Amino acid sequence: MIGLQRIWRGRDGNIAVEVALAMPILLALLAGITDLGRAVLADARLKSAVRAGLEYAQVNPNHGGGIEAVVRAAANEPGVTVTMAQICQCPDGSTVECSVACGDGQPPGGYVVISAEQAFTALFPGMSALIEGPRLAHGSIRAK
């Protein structure tokens, strides 16, 4: 009888029980933080790649293939979709043909617009509803 009371009142295994109860919660938090960090990193890489493409476009605005290649190389990830367009706008914000003068007789300003998209898949199913989906980055720069 004394042995049973000693086991019942003993505190030797409390730490193991507490760790066993807390571990699933801690692992779920770690998984969520990992996926969130991956999503933020993917966004930052894609934005940096678009920035690199815009810097290249500032020097070579008419080299569309080169601009797309720079964005893909800077992203350094498979599955990046890059679109590039050259547009001309008047000071009032209206888009016109590049050969047409604006209403005030001034030539329109030329711009290079770059968009990049990459699919993102969460590693852990619990985070998929929050962070899964395409990562997008856009930018534009005035051409020479």
N, C-alpha and C. Protein backbone atom coordinates (compact mmCIF):
# COMPACT_ATOMS: atom_id res chain seq x y z
N MET A 1 0.82 -1.20 0.00
CA MET A 1 0.00 0.00 0.00
C MET A 1 0.86 1.26 0.00
N ILE A 2 1.94 1.20 0.76
CA ILE A 2 2.82 2.37 0.82
C ILE A 2 3.47 2.60 -0.54
N GLY A 3 3.80 1.56 -1.27
CA GLY A 3 4.41 1.70 -2.59
C GLY A 3 3.46 2.37 -3.57
N LEU A 4 2.17 2.03 -3.52
CA LEU A 4 1.17 2.63 -4.41
C LEU A 4 0.99 4.11 -4.11
N GLN A 5 0.98 4.48 -2.84
CA GLN A 5 0.87 5.90 -2.48
C GLN A 5 2.10 6.67 -2.95
N ARG A 6 3.24 6.04 -2.85
CA ARG A 6 4.48 6.71 -3.27
C ARG A 6 4.45 6.98 -4.79
N ILE A 7 3.98 6.02 -5.57
CA ILE A 7 3.87 6.22 -7.02
C ILE A 7 2.84 7.30 -7.33
N TRP A 8 1.71 7.26 -6.63
CA TRP A 8 0.63 8.21 -6.88
C TRP A 8 1.06 9.65 -6.59
N ARG A 9 1.84 9.86 -5.57
CA ARG A 9 2.27 11.20 -5.16
C ARG A 9 3.61 11.60 -5.78
N GLY A 10 4.26 10.70 -6.45
CA GLY A 10 5.57 10.99 -7.03
C GLY A 10 5.49 12.02 -8.15
N ARG A 11 6.55 12.78 -8.33
CA ARG A 11 6.60 13.85 -9.34
C ARG A 11 7.71 13.59 -10.36
N ASP A 12 8.24 12.40 -10.42
CA ASP A 12 9.39 12.10 -11.26
C ASP A 12 9.11 12.22 -12.76
N GLY A 13 7.93 11.96 -13.23
CA GLY A 13 7.64 11.98 -14.67
C GLY A 13 6.89 13.19 -15.16
N ASN A 14 6.74 14.20 -14.32
CA ASN A 14 5.96 15.38 -14.72
C ASN A 14 6.53 16.08 -15.95
N ILE A 15 7.83 16.23 -16.01
CA ILE A 15 8.45 16.93 -17.13
C ILE A 15 8.15 16.20 -18.44
N ALA A 16 8.27 14.89 -18.42
CA ALA A 16 8.02 14.11 -19.63
C ALA A 16 6.58 14.28 -20.10
N VAL A 17 5.64 14.29 -19.19
CA VAL A 17 4.23 14.46 -19.55
C VAL A 17 3.98 15.86 -20.10
N GLU A 18 4.55 16.88 -19.47
CA GLU A 18 4.36 18.25 -19.94
C GLU A 18 4.96 18.44 -21.34
N VAL A 19 6.14 17.87 -21.56
CA VAL A 19 6.75 17.98 -22.88
C VAL A 19 5.90 17.25 -23.91
N ALA A 20 5.40 16.08 -23.58
CA ALA A 20 4.56 15.32 -24.51
C ALA A 20 3.28 16.07 -24.85
N LEU A 21 2.73 16.81 -23.91
CA LEU A 21 1.51 17.58 -24.18
C LEU A 21 1.80 18.85 -24.98
N ALA A 22 2.93 19.48 -24.75
CA ALA A 22 3.25 20.74 -25.41
C ALA A 22 3.89 20.55 -26.78
N MET A 23 4.51 19.42 -27.04
CA MET A 23 5.26 19.21 -28.28
C MET A 23 4.41 19.38 -29.55
N PRO A 24 3.22 18.82 -29.65
CA PRO A 24 2.43 19.02 -30.88
C PRO A 24 2.12 20.50 -31.16
N ILE A 25 1.87 21.25 -30.12
CA ILE A 25 1.58 22.68 -30.30
C ILE A 25 2.83 23.41 -30.77
N LEU A 26 3.96 23.10 -30.17
CA LEU A 26 5.21 23.74 -30.57
C LEU A 26 5.60 23.37 -32.00
N LEU A 27 5.41 22.13 -32.37
CA LEU A 27 5.74 21.70 -33.74
C LEU A 27 4.81 22.37 -34.76
N ALA A 28 3.54 22.51 -34.43
CA ALA A 28 2.61 23.20 -35.33
C ALA A 28 3.01 24.66 -35.52
N LEU A 29 3.41 25.32 -34.44
CA LEU A 29 3.88 26.70 -34.55
C LEU A 29 5.15 26.79 -35.39
N LEU A 30 6.07 25.88 -35.19
CA LEU A 30 7.31 25.86 -35.97
C LEU A 30 7.02 25.64 -37.46
N ALA A 31 6.09 24.74 -37.77
CA ALA A 31 5.73 24.49 -39.16
C ALA A 31 5.12 25.73 -39.80
N GLY A 32 4.24 26.41 -39.07
CA GLY A 32 3.63 27.62 -39.60
C GLY A 32 4.64 28.73 -39.82
N ILE A 33 5.55 28.90 -38.89
CA ILE A 33 6.57 29.93 -39.03
C ILE A 33 7.49 29.62 -40.21
N THR A 34 7.80 28.33 -40.39
CA THR A 34 8.65 27.94 -41.51
C THR A 34 7.98 28.26 -42.85
N ASP A 35 6.73 27.90 -43.00
CA ASP A 35 6.02 28.19 -44.25
C ASP A 35 5.85 29.68 -44.47
N LEU A 36 5.55 30.42 -43.43
CA LEU A 36 5.40 31.86 -43.56
C LEU A 36 6.73 32.49 -43.98
N GLY A 37 7.82 32.03 -43.41
CA GLY A 37 9.13 32.52 -43.79
C GLY A 37 9.47 32.21 -45.23
N ARG A 38 9.11 31.02 -45.69
CA ARG A 38 9.34 30.66 -47.09
C ARG A 38 8.53 31.57 -48.02
N ALA A 39 7.30 31.88 -47.65
CA ALA A 39 6.45 32.75 -48.49
C ALA A 39 7.03 34.17 -48.56
N VAL A 40 7.48 34.69 -47.43
CA VAL A 40 8.06 36.03 -47.41
C VAL A 40 9.35 36.05 -48.24
N LEU A 41 10.16 35.01 -48.13
CA LEU A 41 11.39 34.93 -48.91
C LEU A 41 11.10 34.85 -50.41
N ALA A 42 10.07 34.09 -50.79
CA ALA A 42 9.69 34.00 -52.20
C ALA A 42 9.24 35.36 -52.73
N ASP A 43 8.47 36.09 -51.93
CA ASP A 43 8.05 37.44 -52.33
C ASP A 43 9.26 38.37 -52.51
N ALA A 44 10.18 38.32 -51.57
CA ALA A 44 11.35 39.19 -51.64
C ALA A 44 12.22 38.86 -52.84
N ARG A 45 12.40 37.57 -53.13
CA ARG A 45 13.20 37.18 -54.29
C ARG A 45 12.57 37.65 -55.59
N LEU A 46 11.24 37.51 -55.68
CA LEU A 46 10.55 37.91 -56.91
C LEU A 46 10.62 39.43 -57.10
N LYS A 47 10.44 40.19 -56.03
CA LYS A 47 10.53 41.65 -56.13
C LYS A 47 11.95 42.08 -56.49
N SER A 48 12.92 41.41 -55.94
CA SER A 48 14.31 41.72 -56.27
C SER A 48 14.61 41.41 -57.73
N ALA A 49 14.05 40.32 -58.24
CA ALA A 49 14.25 39.97 -59.64
C ALA A 49 13.62 41.00 -60.57
N VAL A 50 12.44 41.49 -60.23
CA VAL A 50 11.79 42.53 -61.05
C VAL A 50 12.62 43.82 -61.00
N ARG A 51 13.15 44.13 -59.82
CA ARG A 51 14.01 45.32 -59.70
C ARG A 51 15.24 45.20 -60.60
N ALA A 52 15.84 44.00 -60.63
CA ALA A 52 17.01 43.78 -61.49
C ALA A 52 16.62 43.96 -62.96
N GLY A 53 15.45 43.46 -63.34
CA GLY A 53 14.97 43.64 -64.71
C GLY A 53 14.74 45.10 -65.04
N LEU A 54 14.22 45.87 -64.09
CA LEU A 54 13.98 47.29 -64.33
C LEU A 54 15.30 48.06 -64.47
N GLU A 55 16.30 47.66 -63.69
CA GLU A 55 17.61 48.30 -63.82
C GLU A 55 18.20 48.02 -65.20
N TYR A 56 18.05 46.80 -65.66
CA TYR A 56 18.54 46.45 -66.99
C TYR A 56 17.74 47.21 -68.06
N ALA A 57 16.42 47.33 -67.86
CA ALA A 57 15.57 48.02 -68.83
C ALA A 57 15.89 49.50 -68.90
N GLN A 58 16.39 50.06 -67.84
CA GLN A 58 16.74 51.48 -67.87
C GLN A 58 17.88 51.74 -68.85
N VAL A 59 18.79 50.77 -68.97
CA VAL A 59 19.91 50.91 -69.89
C VAL A 59 19.56 50.38 -71.28
N ASN A 60 18.79 49.28 -71.35
CA ASN A 60 18.43 48.63 -72.61
C ASN A 60 16.91 48.49 -72.72
N PRO A 61 16.17 49.58 -72.92
CA PRO A 61 14.70 49.50 -72.89
C PRO A 61 14.09 48.71 -74.05
N ASN A 62 14.80 48.57 -75.15
CA ASN A 62 14.23 47.88 -76.31
C ASN A 62 14.69 46.44 -76.42
N HIS A 63 15.33 45.91 -75.42
CA HIS A 63 15.84 44.54 -75.45
C HIS A 63 14.96 43.66 -74.56
N GLY A 64 13.74 43.38 -75.06
CA GLY A 64 12.76 42.63 -74.28
C GLY A 64 13.22 41.26 -73.84
N GLY A 65 13.86 40.53 -74.75
CA GLY A 65 14.35 39.20 -74.39
C GLY A 65 15.41 39.25 -73.30
N GLY A 66 16.25 40.26 -73.36
CA GLY A 66 17.28 40.42 -72.34
C GLY A 66 16.68 40.78 -70.99
N ILE A 67 15.65 41.61 -71.01
CA ILE A 67 15.00 42.01 -69.76
C ILE A 67 14.39 40.78 -69.09
N GLU A 68 13.68 39.98 -69.86
CA GLU A 68 13.07 38.76 -69.30
C GLU A 68 14.13 37.80 -68.80
N ALA A 69 15.23 37.68 -69.52
CA ALA A 69 16.32 36.78 -69.10
C ALA A 69 16.94 37.25 -67.79
N VAL A 70 17.09 38.55 -67.62
CA VAL A 70 17.66 39.09 -66.38
C VAL A 70 16.73 38.79 -65.21
N VAL A 71 15.43 38.97 -65.41
CA VAL A 71 14.47 38.69 -64.33
C VAL A 71 14.50 37.21 -63.96
N ARG A 72 14.51 36.33 -64.94
CA ARG A 72 14.55 34.89 -64.66
C ARG A 72 15.85 34.50 -63.94
N ALA A 73 16.97 35.07 -64.40
CA ALA A 73 18.26 34.74 -63.77
C ALA A 73 18.32 35.27 -62.34
N ALA A 74 17.77 36.46 -62.11
CA ALA A 74 17.80 37.04 -60.76
C ALA A 74 16.87 36.28 -59.82
N ALA A 75 15.75 35.78 -60.34
CA ALA A 75 14.83 35.01 -59.49
C ALA A 75 15.46 33.70 -59.08
N ASN A 76 16.21 33.09 -59.99
CA ASN A 76 16.93 31.84 -59.71
C ASN A 76 16.01 30.76 -59.16
N GLU A 77 14.80 30.72 -59.65
CA GLU A 77 13.81 29.73 -59.24
C GLU A 77 13.09 29.22 -60.48
N PRO A 78 12.73 27.94 -60.50
CA PRO A 78 11.96 27.43 -61.64
C PRO A 78 10.51 27.92 -61.57
N GLY A 79 9.88 27.99 -62.72
CA GLY A 79 8.46 28.32 -62.77
C GLY A 79 8.12 29.79 -62.66
N VAL A 80 9.07 30.67 -62.91
CA VAL A 80 8.78 32.11 -62.87
C VAL A 80 8.27 32.53 -64.23
N THR A 81 7.09 33.15 -64.26
CA THR A 81 6.51 33.67 -65.49
C THR A 81 6.75 35.18 -65.53
N VAL A 82 7.39 35.62 -66.60
CA VAL A 82 7.73 37.04 -66.73
C VAL A 82 7.00 37.62 -67.93
N THR A 83 6.36 38.76 -67.73
CA THR A 83 5.75 39.50 -68.84
C THR A 83 6.33 40.90 -68.83
N MET A 84 6.60 41.40 -70.02
CA MET A 84 7.19 42.71 -70.17
C MET A 84 6.43 43.46 -71.25
N ALA A 85 6.17 44.72 -71.02
CA ALA A 85 5.47 45.53 -72.02
C ALA A 85 6.10 46.91 -72.07
N GLN A 86 6.07 47.51 -73.24
CA GLN A 86 6.50 48.89 -73.40
C GLN A 86 5.27 49.71 -73.73
N ILE A 87 5.02 50.72 -72.95
CA ILE A 87 3.85 51.57 -73.16
C ILE A 87 4.28 53.02 -73.21
N CYS A 88 3.44 53.84 -73.76
CA CYS A 88 3.68 55.28 -73.81
C CYS A 88 2.50 55.98 -73.16
N GLN A 89 2.80 56.96 -72.30
CA GLN A 89 1.75 57.69 -71.59
C GLN A 89 1.97 59.18 -71.71
N CYS A 90 0.86 59.88 -71.73
CA CYS A 90 0.89 61.34 -71.71
C CYS A 90 0.95 61.81 -70.25
N PRO A 91 1.27 63.08 -70.04
CA PRO A 91 1.33 63.58 -68.66
C PRO A 91 0.03 63.44 -67.88
N ASP A 92 -1.11 63.38 -68.58
CA ASP A 92 -2.38 63.22 -67.89
C ASP A 92 -2.67 61.77 -67.50
N GLY A 93 -1.77 60.84 -67.84
CA GLY A 93 -1.93 59.43 -67.47
C GLY A 93 -2.57 58.56 -68.52
N SER A 94 -2.99 59.15 -69.64
CA SER A 94 -3.63 58.35 -70.69
C SER A 94 -2.56 57.61 -71.50
N THR A 95 -2.87 56.39 -71.87
CA THR A 95 -1.96 55.58 -72.67
C THR A 95 -2.24 55.82 -74.15
N VAL A 96 -1.17 56.08 -74.89
CA VAL A 96 -1.30 56.37 -76.32
C VAL A 96 -0.27 55.56 -77.09
N GLU A 97 -0.43 55.55 -78.41
CA GLU A 97 0.60 54.95 -79.26
C GLU A 97 1.87 55.78 -79.13
N CYS A 98 3.01 55.13 -79.19
CA CYS A 98 4.28 55.84 -78.99
C CYS A 98 4.58 56.84 -80.11
N SER A 99 3.98 56.64 -81.28
CA SER A 99 4.24 57.55 -82.40
C SER A 99 3.28 58.73 -82.43
N VAL A 100 2.28 58.73 -81.54
CA VAL A 100 1.26 59.79 -81.51
C VAL A 100 1.62 60.81 -80.44
N ALA A 101 1.47 62.10 -80.77
CA ALA A 101 1.73 63.15 -79.79
C ALA A 101 0.56 63.26 -78.82
N CYS A 102 0.84 63.75 -77.64
CA CYS A 102 -0.21 63.96 -76.64
C CYS A 102 -1.07 65.16 -77.05
N GLY A 103 -2.15 65.37 -76.33
CA GLY A 103 -3.07 66.47 -76.63
C GLY A 103 -2.42 67.83 -76.58
N ASP A 104 -1.39 68.01 -75.74
CA ASP A 104 -0.72 69.30 -75.65
C ASP A 104 0.45 69.42 -76.62
N GLY A 105 0.59 68.44 -77.54
CA GLY A 105 1.63 68.49 -78.55
C GLY A 105 2.96 67.89 -78.10
N GLN A 106 3.08 67.53 -76.85
CA GLN A 106 4.31 66.95 -76.33
C GLN A 106 4.39 65.46 -76.69
N PRO A 107 5.58 64.93 -76.87
CA PRO A 107 5.69 63.49 -77.12
C PRO A 107 5.39 62.72 -75.83
N PRO A 108 4.79 61.55 -75.97
CA PRO A 108 4.49 60.75 -74.77
C PRO A 108 5.76 60.18 -74.16
N GLY A 109 5.70 59.88 -72.90
CA GLY A 109 6.83 59.26 -72.21
C GLY A 109 6.76 57.75 -72.36
N GLY A 110 7.90 57.14 -72.62
CA GLY A 110 7.95 55.70 -72.78
C GLY A 110 8.25 55.01 -71.45
N TYR A 111 7.56 53.93 -71.17
CA TYR A 111 7.73 53.18 -69.93
C TYR A 111 7.90 51.70 -70.23
N VAL A 112 8.68 51.04 -69.42
CA VAL A 112 8.81 49.59 -69.47
C VAL A 112 8.12 49.05 -68.21
N VAL A 113 7.17 48.14 -68.41
CA VAL A 113 6.42 47.55 -67.30
C VAL A 113 6.77 46.07 -67.25
N ILE A 114 7.18 45.60 -66.07
CA ILE A 114 7.56 44.19 -65.87
C ILE A 114 6.68 43.60 -64.79
N SER A 115 6.18 42.41 -65.06
CA SER A 115 5.42 41.64 -64.07
C SER A 115 6.02 40.24 -63.99
N ALA A 116 6.10 39.72 -62.79
CA ALA A 116 6.60 38.36 -62.59
C ALA A 116 5.66 37.63 -61.66
N GLU A 117 5.47 36.35 -61.93
CA GLU A 117 4.57 35.52 -61.14
C GLU A 117 5.21 34.16 -60.91
N GLN A 118 5.02 33.63 -59.71
CA GLN A 118 5.55 32.32 -59.38
C GLN A 118 4.57 31.62 -58.45
N ALA A 119 4.30 30.35 -58.72
CA ALA A 119 3.41 29.58 -57.86
C ALA A 119 4.12 29.26 -56.55
N PHE A 120 3.37 29.22 -55.47
CA PHE A 120 3.94 28.88 -54.16
C PHE A 120 3.04 27.84 -53.52
N THR A 121 3.66 26.78 -53.05
CA THR A 121 2.94 25.71 -52.37
C THR A 121 3.48 25.58 -50.96
N ALA A 122 2.60 25.57 -49.99
CA ALA A 122 3.00 25.42 -48.59
C ALA A 122 3.46 23.98 -48.34
N LEU A 123 4.41 23.83 -47.46
CA LEU A 123 4.89 22.50 -47.09
C LEU A 123 3.92 21.79 -46.16
N PHE A 124 3.25 22.55 -45.33
CA PHE A 124 2.36 21.99 -44.32
C PHE A 124 0.92 22.34 -44.64
N PRO A 125 0.04 21.35 -44.63
CA PRO A 125 -1.35 21.58 -45.06
C PRO A 125 -2.09 22.65 -44.27
N GLY A 126 -1.77 22.83 -43.03
CA GLY A 126 -2.49 23.80 -42.20
C GLY A 126 -2.29 25.24 -42.66
N MET A 127 -1.19 25.51 -43.34
CA MET A 127 -0.90 26.87 -43.78
C MET A 127 -1.36 27.14 -45.21
N SER A 128 -1.78 26.11 -45.93
CA SER A 128 -2.09 26.29 -47.35
C SER A 128 -3.20 27.30 -47.59
N ALA A 129 -4.19 27.35 -46.73
CA ALA A 129 -5.29 28.29 -46.94
C ALA A 129 -4.83 29.74 -46.74
N LEU A 130 -3.81 29.94 -45.93
CA LEU A 130 -3.36 31.30 -45.63
C LEU A 130 -2.34 31.85 -46.61
N ILE A 131 -1.41 31.02 -47.07
CA ILE A 131 -0.29 31.57 -47.84
C ILE A 131 -0.11 30.95 -49.21
N GLU A 132 -0.87 29.93 -49.55
CA GLU A 132 -0.68 29.29 -50.84
C GLU A 132 -1.25 30.14 -51.97
N GLY A 133 -0.66 30.03 -53.11
CA GLY A 133 -1.12 30.78 -54.28
C GLY A 133 0.05 31.45 -54.96
N PRO A 134 -0.23 32.18 -56.01
CA PRO A 134 0.87 32.80 -56.76
C PRO A 134 1.48 33.98 -56.02
N ARG A 135 2.76 34.11 -56.14
CA ARG A 135 3.49 35.29 -55.66
C ARG A 135 3.59 36.23 -56.87
N LEU A 136 3.33 37.50 -56.68
CA LEU A 136 3.31 38.47 -57.77
C LEU A 136 4.23 39.64 -57.45
N ALA A 137 4.88 40.15 -58.49
CA ALA A 137 5.69 41.37 -58.35
C ALA A 137 5.55 42.18 -59.63
N HIS A 138 5.41 43.47 -59.50
CA HIS A 138 5.24 44.37 -60.65
C HIS A 138 6.16 45.58 -60.47
N GLY A 139 6.51 46.15 -61.58
CA GLY A 139 7.29 47.38 -61.54
C GLY A 139 7.32 48.05 -62.89
N SER A 140 7.58 49.34 -62.89
CA SER A 140 7.70 50.07 -64.15
C SER A 140 8.78 51.12 -64.00
N ILE A 141 9.34 51.50 -65.12
CA ILE A 141 10.40 52.50 -65.13
C ILE A 141 10.29 53.30 -66.43
N ARG A 142 10.63 54.54 -66.34
CA ARG A 142 10.59 55.37 -67.54
C ARG A 142 11.82 55.06 -68.38
N ALA A 143 11.60 54.76 -69.65
CA ALA A 143 12.69 54.45 -70.57
C ALA A 143 13.32 55.73 -71.06
N LYS A 144 14.49 55.59 -71.61
CA LYS A 144 15.19 56.76 -72.15
C LYS A 144 14.38 57.45 -73.22
